């Protein structure tokens, strides 16, 4: 018996450690796949098209956004760039029984939660703004003006943490990884039941 996949949202401000967390969890948790978003921003060093993002120009992005039915489950403008999640890609994987993880910001999460009730949302935050600022500085990929904007946006995003199903504080990576993995498994136990009430496909 193949059950439908579960949709998970992971949000958190720049510097919270989302990318590091996903790199630790995704390869070691079968049946969980990352949703590759579309974006108009330029690729950073080491990023590959179709792996980290679908890098597109503004015209292509807007055409997908405005088609009927819309091509994006959610979309947002963040730090001057556009980001969107493909409806077709999400629905196909869910039908196949794959759990999907969306790495999206607060704006995008709100759009998805308004449309769907079958979503588990997780907010990842740093232990403090000072720690987050230091993580951003170590990345050294942003101009100072962009750094200030990200820090200000982070303060606003942190105020939205109560809107999410779960809150993870990334103080120690090992603890955050275990917490994230535990959430995924717990939700599989809660949602994936056959008509007799038996849980199926927990870890695949």
Protein backbone atom coordinates (compact mmCIF):
# COMPACT_ATOMS: atom_id res chain seq x y z
CA UNK A 1 0.00 0.00 0.00
CA UNK A 2 1.41 3.39 -1.03
CA UNK A 3 0.33 6.32 1.12
CA UNK A 4 0.50 9.91 0.01
CA UNK A 5 3.56 11.87 0.99
CA UNK A 6 3.58 14.56 3.65
CA UNK A 7 4.43 18.19 2.99
CA UNK A 8 6.88 19.80 5.42
CA UNK A 9 7.86 23.47 5.59
CA UNK A 10 11.17 24.60 7.05
CA UNK A 11 11.56 28.33 7.61
CA UNK A 12 14.08 30.44 9.44
CA UNK A 13 16.04 33.66 8.99
CA UNK A 14 19.34 33.86 7.15
CA UNK A 15 22.03 32.51 9.45
CA UNK A 16 19.71 30.13 11.32
CA UNK A 17 21.41 27.11 9.73
CA UNK A 18 18.68 25.70 7.48
CA UNK A 19 21.06 24.57 4.72
CA UNK A 20 23.41 22.87 7.18
CA UNK A 21 20.49 21.13 8.90
CA UNK A 22 19.12 19.80 5.61
CA UNK A 23 22.53 18.55 4.48
CA UNK A 24 22.73 16.51 7.67
CA UNK A 25 19.19 15.09 7.59
CA UNK A 26 18.14 14.54 3.97
CA UNK A 27 20.75 11.89 3.00
CA UNK A 28 20.04 9.90 6.16
CA UNK A 29 16.24 9.87 6.19
CA UNK A 30 14.81 7.74 3.35
CA UNK A 31 11.63 8.92 1.69
CA UNK A 32 12.28 12.63 2.32
CA UNK A 33 13.06 14.85 -0.68
CA UNK A 34 13.97 18.51 -1.00
CA UNK A 35 11.79 20.69 -3.18
CA UNK A 36 13.96 22.60 -5.64
CA UNK A 37 12.58 26.14 -5.85
CA UNK A 38 12.71 28.52 -8.80
CA UNK A 39 14.55 31.78 -8.22
CA UNK A 40 15.69 34.84 -10.12
CA UNK A 41 18.77 35.39 -7.97
CA UNK A 42 22.25 34.59 -9.20
CA UNK A 43 23.80 31.27 -8.23
CA UNK A 44 26.33 31.40 -5.43
CA UNK A 45 29.68 29.61 -5.70
CA UNK A 46 29.10 25.86 -5.63
CA UNK A 47 25.39 26.02 -6.40
CA UNK A 48 24.09 24.03 -9.37
CA UNK A 49 21.01 24.65 -11.48
CA UNK A 50 18.34 22.03 -10.88
CA UNK A 51 20.03 20.84 -7.69
CA UNK A 52 20.01 23.80 -5.32
CA UNK A 53 17.56 25.96 -7.31
CA UNK A 54 16.06 26.29 -10.76
CA UNK A 55 17.77 29.55 -11.75
CA UNK A 56 15.55 31.48 -14.17
CA UNK A 57 15.22 35.04 -15.41
CA UNK A 58 12.41 37.35 -14.31
CA UNK A 59 10.34 36.87 -17.48
CA UNK A 60 10.31 33.08 -17.10
CA UNK A 61 9.44 33.32 -13.42
CA UNK A 62 6.56 35.76 -13.98
CA UNK A 63 5.14 33.63 -16.80
CA UNK A 64 4.96 30.62 -14.47
CA UNK A 65 3.47 32.73 -11.71
CA UNK A 66 0.75 34.23 -13.90
CA UNK A 67 -0.31 31.15 -15.88
CA UNK A 68 -3.72 29.58 -15.13
CA UNK A 69 -3.79 27.56 -13.03
CA UNK A 70 -0.78 29.15 -11.34
CA UNK A 71 2.51 27.33 -11.75
CA UNK A 72 3.63 28.09 -8.20
CA UNK A 73 2.18 26.79 -4.95
CA UNK A 74 3.74 29.86 -3.35
CA UNK A 75 6.03 32.64 -4.39
CA UNK A 76 7.68 35.58 -2.68
CA UNK A 77 10.08 38.43 -3.24
CA UNK A 78 12.94 38.18 -0.74
CA UNK A 79 15.88 40.59 -0.62
CA UNK A 80 14.99 41.81 -4.12
CA UNK A 81 14.83 38.33 -5.69
CA UNK A 82 11.85 36.14 -6.60
CA UNK A 83 11.40 32.59 -5.26
CA UNK A 84 8.65 30.09 -6.06
CA UNK A 85 7.65 26.45 -5.47
CA UNK A 86 6.42 24.44 -8.46
CA UNK A 87 2.92 22.99 -8.01
CA UNK A 88 3.52 20.19 -10.53
CA UNK A 89 6.74 19.04 -8.90
CA UNK A 90 5.20 18.94 -5.42
CA UNK A 91 2.01 17.12 -6.40
CA UNK A 92 3.83 14.44 -8.40
CA UNK A 93 6.16 13.53 -5.55
CA UNK A 94 3.36 13.49 -2.97
CA UNK A 95 1.35 11.11 -5.20
CA UNK A 96 4.40 8.85 -5.30
CA UNK A 97 4.42 8.69 -1.50
CA UNK A 98 7.48 10.88 -1.05
CA UNK A 99 7.63 13.37 1.81
CA UNK A 100 8.53 16.84 0.52
CA UNK A 101 10.52 19.46 2.39
CA UNK A 102 10.04 23.10 1.41
CA UNK A 103 12.73 25.56 2.44
CA UNK A 104 10.71 28.76 2.23
CA UNK A 105 10.44 32.08 4.03
CA UNK A 106 7.60 33.32 6.23
CA UNK A 107 5.74 34.91 3.31
CA UNK A 108 5.75 31.69 1.33
CA UNK A 109 4.81 29.57 4.34
CA UNK A 110 1.73 31.69 4.95
CA UNK A 111 0.61 31.22 1.35
CA UNK A 112 0.94 27.44 1.56
CA UNK A 113 -0.80 27.22 4.94
CA UNK A 114 -3.73 29.24 3.61
CA UNK A 115 -4.17 26.76 0.75
CA UNK A 116 -3.50 23.43 2.43
CA UNK A 117 -4.28 21.86 5.78
CA UNK A 118 -1.97 18.85 5.30
CA UNK A 119 1.22 20.75 6.10
CA UNK A 120 3.67 20.42 8.99
CA UNK A 121 5.58 23.65 9.56
CA UNK A 122 8.91 23.95 11.36
CA UNK A 123 10.66 27.18 12.29
CA UNK A 124 14.42 27.07 12.85
CA UNK A 125 15.99 29.90 14.78
CA UNK A 126 19.48 30.68 16.10
CA UNK A 127 20.09 30.90 19.84
CA UNK A 128 20.48 34.69 19.56
CA UNK A 129 20.65 37.55 17.07
CA UNK A 130 24.34 37.93 17.88
CA UNK A 131 25.06 34.34 16.87
CA UNK A 132 23.04 34.76 13.69
CA UNK A 133 24.89 37.95 12.76
CA UNK A 134 28.23 36.22 13.24
CA UNK A 135 27.14 33.31 11.02
CA UNK A 136 26.18 35.75 8.28
CA UNK A 137 29.50 37.55 8.53
CA UNK A 138 31.39 34.26 8.24
CA UNK A 139 29.55 33.48 5.00
CA UNK A 140 31.04 36.65 3.46
CA UNK A 141 28.80 36.39 0.40
CA UNK A 142 26.84 39.58 0.96
CA UNK A 143 27.65 43.27 0.64
CA UNK A 144 27.33 45.23 3.90
CA UNK A 145 24.05 46.83 2.77
CA UNK A 146 22.59 43.40 2.00
CA UNK A 147 23.88 42.10 5.33
CA UNK A 148 22.05 44.88 7.20
CA UNK A 149 18.85 44.13 5.27
CA UNK A 150 19.04 40.42 6.07
CA UNK A 151 19.60 41.15 9.75
CA UNK A 152 16.60 43.49 9.90
CA UNK A 153 14.41 40.98 8.05
CA UNK A 154 15.58 38.27 10.45
CA UNK A 155 14.23 40.25 13.40
CA UNK A 156 10.83 40.43 11.70
CA UNK A 157 10.85 36.74 10.79
CA UNK A 158 11.69 35.66 14.34
CA UNK A 159 8.51 37.38 15.51
CA UNK A 160 6.50 34.92 13.36
CA UNK A 161 7.85 31.73 14.95
CA UNK A 162 4.62 31.15 16.91
CA UNK A 163 2.73 30.61 13.63
CA UNK A 164 4.54 27.29 13.07
CA UNK A 165 3.75 23.78 14.30
CA UNK A 166 7.26 23.26 15.71
CA UNK A 167 10.09 25.50 16.89
CA UNK A 168 13.70 24.30 16.73
CA UNK A 169 16.54 26.30 18.27
CA UNK A 170 19.83 25.65 16.49
CA UNK A 171 22.16 26.05 19.44
CA UNK A 172 24.01 22.77 18.92
CA UNK A 173 23.83 21.24 15.44
CA UNK A 174 23.64 17.67 16.71
CA UNK A 175 20.62 18.50 18.87
CA UNK A 176 18.87 20.37 16.06
CA UNK A 177 19.47 17.49 13.63
CA UNK A 178 18.00 14.97 16.05
CA UNK A 179 15.05 17.24 16.78
CA UNK A 180 14.31 17.71 13.08
CA UNK A 181 14.60 13.99 12.36
CA UNK A 182 12.31 13.20 15.30
CA UNK A 183 9.65 15.59 14.00
CA UNK A 184 9.61 13.88 10.59
CA UNK A 185 9.30 10.41 12.11
CA UNK A 186 6.65 11.51 14.62
CA UNK A 187 4.52 13.00 11.84
CA UNK A 188 4.84 9.80 9.81
CA UNK A 189 3.56 7.88 12.83
CA UNK A 190 0.67 10.31 13.23
CA UNK A 191 -0.46 10.59 9.61
CA UNK A 192 0.45 7.40 7.78
CA UNK A 193 -2.16 4.91 8.82
CA UNK A 194 -4.01 2.37 6.74
CA UNK A 195 -7.77 1.77 7.25
CA UNK A 196 -7.04 -0.66 10.11
CA UNK A 197 -5.14 2.01 12.04
CA UNK A 198 -1.72 0.50 11.46
CA UNK A 199 1.14 2.81 10.61
CA UNK A 200 2.87 2.08 7.29
CA UNK A 201 5.98 3.27 5.48
CA UNK A 202 7.50 4.95 8.51
CA UNK A 203 11.11 4.84 7.42
CA UNK A 204 10.72 3.09 4.08
